[in-house]
């Protein structure tokens, strides 16, 4: 099992991720970094209608943003490019 697949399993089962791991997974699901303003990283996906801003909580990803990403993945039926 690849590193991305292991991260994805932890992500989908509600585990915590570092901000760097979260960004790696967003990109694996097809989001692209649109811009960075301070600590705000704004991602866009061609299948979603709105930007998805994320911010770190220290070195970790914010739990509510992990949930928002899981909800968007389910809602729009997003698949990983690379798993």
C-alpha atoms as a PDB file:
ATOM      1  CA  UNK A   1       0.000   0.000   0.000  1.00  0.00           C
ATOM      2  CA  UNK A   2       1.421   3.365  -1.033  1.00  0.00           C
ATOM      3  CA  UNK A   3       1.913   6.302   1.314  1.00  0.00           C
ATOM      4  CA  UNK A   4      -0.950   8.205  -0.355  1.00  0.00           C
ATOM      5  CA  UNK A   5      -3.260   5.193   0.033  1.00  0.00           C
ATOM      6  CA  UNK A   6      -2.387   4.933   3.733  1.00  0.00           C
ATOM      7  CA  UNK A   7      -3.008   8.663   4.237  1.00  0.00           C
ATOM      8  CA  UNK A   8      -6.302   8.370   2.374  1.00  0.00           C
ATOM      9  CA  UNK A   9      -7.432   5.493   4.588  1.00  0.00           C
ATOM     10  CA  UNK A  10      -6.623   7.502   7.717  1.00  0.00           C
ATOM     11  CA  UNK A  11      -8.362  10.550   6.215  1.00  0.00           C
ATOM     12  CA  UNK A  12     -11.531   8.694   5.222  1.00  0.00           C
ATOM     13  CA  UNK A  13     -11.843   7.001   8.617  1.00  0.00           C
ATOM     14  CA  UNK A  14     -11.691  10.317  10.460  1.00  0.00           C
ATOM     15  CA  UNK A  15      -8.078  10.277  11.587  1.00  0.00           C
ATOM     16  CA  UNK A  16      -5.997  13.404  12.033  1.00  0.00           C
ATOM     17  CA  UNK A  17      -3.444  14.598   9.480  1.00  0.00           C
ATOM     18  CA  UNK A  18      -0.675  17.128   9.421  1.00  0.00           C
ATOM     19  CA  UNK A  19      -1.318  20.139   7.217  1.00  0.00           C
ATOM     20  CA  UNK A  20       1.316  18.917   4.739  1.00  0.00           C
ATOM     21  CA  UNK A  21      -0.407  15.507   4.519  1.00  0.00           C
ATOM     22  CA  UNK A  22      -3.783  17.191   4.031  1.00  0.00           C
ATOM     23  CA  UNK A  23      -2.435  19.324   1.181  1.00  0.00           C
ATOM     24  CA  UNK A  24      -0.923  16.215  -0.423  1.00  0.00           C
ATOM     25  CA  UNK A  25      -4.301  14.459  -0.307  1.00  0.00           C
ATOM     26  CA  UNK A  26      -6.185  17.459  -1.682  1.00  0.00           C
ATOM     27  CA  UNK A  27      -3.852  17.474  -4.664  1.00  0.00           C
ATOM     28  CA  UNK A  28      -4.256  13.702  -5.093  1.00  0.00           C
ATOM     29  CA  UNK A  29      -8.026  14.244  -5.293  1.00  0.00           C
ATOM     30  CA  UNK A  30      -7.550  16.807  -8.067  1.00  0.00           C
ATOM     31  CA  UNK A  31      -7.631  20.110  -6.195  1.00  0.00           C
ATOM     32  CA  UNK A  32      -5.051  22.629  -7.356  1.00  0.00           C
ATOM     33  CA  UNK A  33      -3.573  25.418  -5.311  1.00  0.00           C
ATOM     34  CA  UNK A  34      -5.056  28.656  -6.635  1.00  0.00           C
ATOM     35  CA  UNK A  35      -3.393  31.140  -4.304  1.00  0.00           C
ATOM     36  CA  UNK A  36      -1.877  31.636  -0.862  1.00  0.00           C
ATOM     37  CA  UNK A  37      -2.663  34.662   1.281  1.00  0.00           C
ATOM     38  CA  UNK A  38      -0.854  34.570   4.590  1.00  0.00           C
ATOM     39  CA  UNK A  39      -1.778  31.219   6.139  1.00  0.00           C
ATOM     40  CA  UNK A  40      -4.804  30.734   3.857  1.00  0.00           C
ATOM     41  CA  UNK A  41      -4.264  28.248   1.051  1.00  0.00           C
ATOM     42  CA  UNK A  42      -7.105  28.422  -1.475  1.00  0.00           C
ATOM     43  CA  UNK A  43      -7.720  25.308  -3.568  1.00  0.00           C
ATOM     44  CA  UNK A  44      -9.971  24.864  -6.587  1.00  0.00           C
ATOM     45  CA  UNK A  45     -11.359  21.732  -8.204  1.00  0.00           C
ATOM     46  CA  UNK A  46     -12.858  21.654 -11.705  1.00  0.00           C
ATOM     47  CA  UNK A  47     -15.924  19.709 -10.509  1.00  0.00           C
ATOM     48  CA  UNK A  48     -16.801  21.960  -7.585  1.00  0.00           C
ATOM     49  CA  UNK A  49     -18.421  25.363  -7.866  1.00  0.00           C
ATOM     50  CA  UNK A  50     -16.538  27.105  -5.094  1.00  0.00           C
ATOM     51  CA  UNK A  51     -12.997  27.571  -3.809  1.00  0.00           C
ATOM     52  CA  UNK A  52     -11.898  25.586  -0.768  1.00  0.00           C
ATOM     53  CA  UNK A  53      -9.737  27.616   1.645  1.00  0.00           C
ATOM     54  CA  UNK A  54      -7.685  25.727   4.227  1.00  0.00           C
ATOM     55  CA  UNK A  55      -5.501  26.984   7.058  1.00  0.00           C
ATOM     56  CA  UNK A  56      -3.133  25.101   9.342  1.00  0.00           C
ATOM     57  CA  UNK A  57      -3.612  24.676  13.080  1.00  0.00           C
ATOM     58  CA  UNK A  58       0.043  24.765  14.001  1.00  0.00           C
ATOM     59  CA  UNK A  59       1.478  21.883  12.006  1.00  0.00           C
ATOM     60  CA  UNK A  60      -1.837  20.008  11.880  1.00  0.00           C
ATOM     61  CA  UNK A  61      -4.862  20.244   9.614  1.00  0.00           C
ATOM     62  CA  UNK A  62      -8.010  21.631  11.190  1.00  0.00           C
ATOM     63  CA  UNK A  63     -10.453  18.820  11.942  1.00  0.00           C
ATOM     64  CA  UNK A  64     -13.470  20.719  10.621  1.00  0.00           C
ATOM     65  CA  UNK A  65     -11.672  21.297   7.314  1.00  0.00           C
ATOM     66  CA  UNK A  66     -10.899  17.581   7.064  1.00  0.00           C
ATOM     67  CA  UNK A  67     -14.623  16.917   7.505  1.00  0.00           C
ATOM     68  CA  UNK A  68     -15.523  19.560   4.918  1.00  0.00           C
ATOM     69  CA  UNK A  69     -13.145  17.924   2.428  1.00  0.00           C
ATOM     70  CA  UNK A  70     -14.625  14.449   3.114  1.00  0.00           C
ATOM     71  CA  UNK A  71     -18.126  15.875   2.617  1.00  0.00           C
ATOM     72  CA  UNK A  72     -17.132  17.534  -0.686  1.00  0.00           C
ATOM     73  CA  UNK A  73     -15.470  14.329  -1.905  1.00  0.00           C
ATOM     74  CA  UNK A  74     -18.667  12.412  -1.224  1.00  0.00           C
ATOM     75  CA  UNK A  75     -21.009  15.114  -2.579  1.00  0.00           C
ATOM     76  CA  UNK A  76     -19.178  15.558  -5.873  1.00  0.00           C
ATOM     77  CA  UNK A  77     -18.039  11.915  -6.222  1.00  0.00           C
ATOM     78  CA  UNK A  78     -14.366  12.875  -6.406  1.00  0.00           C
ATOM     79  CA  UNK A  79     -11.777  10.143  -6.934  1.00  0.00           C
ATOM     80  CA  UNK A  80      -8.068  10.099  -6.319  1.00  0.00           C
ATOM     81  CA  UNK A  81      -5.946  10.505  -9.421  1.00  0.00           C
ATOM     82  CA  UNK A  82      -3.214   8.384  -7.911  1.00  0.00           C
ATOM     83  CA  UNK A  83      -4.114   5.520  -5.574  1.00  0.00           C
END
